[in-house]
């Protein structure tokens, strides 16, 4: 059985800052609001959450790069 999970990209729609939470939410099949809530909740704990967000912002490509032009 093969899994067809969505590609991890930062979508152009439903962005607040950079689309990182929205992209992760699509990838894992949860709502973008829930992912944002979990991120804000995680910021209450010690750790490098903001650094991780910045790194993901740089690493995860924009959705536009993977749009296939129709003929």
Protein backbone atom coordinates (compact mmCIF):
# COMPACT_ATOMS: atom_id res chain seq x y z
CA UNK A 1 0.00 0.00 0.00
CA UNK A 2 1.43 3.36 -0.99
CA UNK A 3 0.76 6.55 0.86
CA UNK A 4 -0.12 9.64 -1.16
CA UNK A 5 0.60 12.41 1.32
CA UNK A 6 0.62 15.95 -0.04
CA UNK A 7 4.00 17.45 -0.90
CA UNK A 8 5.45 19.65 1.83
CA UNK A 9 5.23 23.16 0.37
CA UNK A 10 4.24 26.57 1.69
CA UNK A 11 0.86 27.24 0.05
CA UNK A 12 -0.01 30.61 -1.44
CA UNK A 13 -3.45 30.61 0.17
CA UNK A 14 -4.27 30.52 3.89
CA UNK A 15 -0.94 32.13 4.89
CA UNK A 16 -0.48 34.30 7.93
CA UNK A 17 3.24 34.96 8.00
CA UNK A 18 5.15 32.61 5.71
CA UNK A 19 2.83 29.64 5.26
CA UNK A 20 4.92 27.24 7.35
CA UNK A 21 2.08 26.21 9.68
CA UNK A 22 -0.35 25.96 6.78
CA UNK A 23 2.04 23.76 4.80
CA UNK A 24 2.71 21.50 7.77
CA UNK A 25 -1.02 21.25 8.46
CA UNK A 26 -1.71 20.13 4.88
CA UNK A 27 1.10 17.60 5.05
CA UNK A 28 -0.16 16.04 8.28
CA UNK A 29 -3.87 16.32 7.48
CA UNK A 30 -4.98 18.73 10.22
CA UNK A 31 -6.43 22.21 10.08
CA UNK A 32 -4.12 25.20 9.73
CA UNK A 33 -5.74 26.78 12.79
CA UNK A 34 -4.88 23.73 14.89
CA UNK A 35 -1.28 23.77 13.68
CA UNK A 36 -0.97 27.48 14.52
CA UNK A 37 -2.44 26.82 17.96
CA UNK A 38 0.04 24.00 18.56
CA UNK A 39 2.91 26.25 17.48
CA UNK A 40 1.83 29.06 19.82
CA UNK A 41 1.37 26.52 22.62
CA UNK A 42 4.85 25.12 21.98
CA UNK A 43 6.30 28.63 22.29
CA UNK A 44 5.36 28.53 25.97
CA UNK A 45 7.85 25.69 26.44
CA UNK A 46 11.60 26.22 26.46
CA UNK A 47 13.26 25.48 23.14
CA UNK A 48 14.19 26.86 19.75
CA UNK A 49 10.68 27.09 18.24
CA UNK A 50 11.26 30.43 16.52
CA UNK A 51 14.56 29.25 15.10
CA UNK A 52 12.88 26.08 13.83
CA UNK A 53 10.15 28.20 12.21
CA UNK A 54 12.77 30.35 10.45
CA UNK A 55 14.66 27.29 9.26
CA UNK A 56 11.45 25.73 7.91
CA UNK A 57 10.62 29.03 6.21
CA UNK A 58 13.93 28.81 4.35
CA UNK A 59 13.84 25.05 3.63
CA UNK A 60 10.20 24.50 2.58
CA UNK A 61 9.67 25.74 -0.99
CA UNK A 62 6.78 27.91 -2.14
CA UNK A 63 3.90 26.13 -3.80
CA UNK A 64 4.43 28.12 -7.03
CA UNK A 65 7.57 26.19 -7.93
CA UNK A 66 5.62 22.93 -8.24
CA UNK A 67 2.63 24.15 -10.26
CA UNK A 68 2.64 22.30 -13.58
CA UNK A 69 1.58 24.45 -16.52
CA UNK A 70 -1.27 22.95 -18.50
CA UNK A 71 -1.02 22.95 -22.27
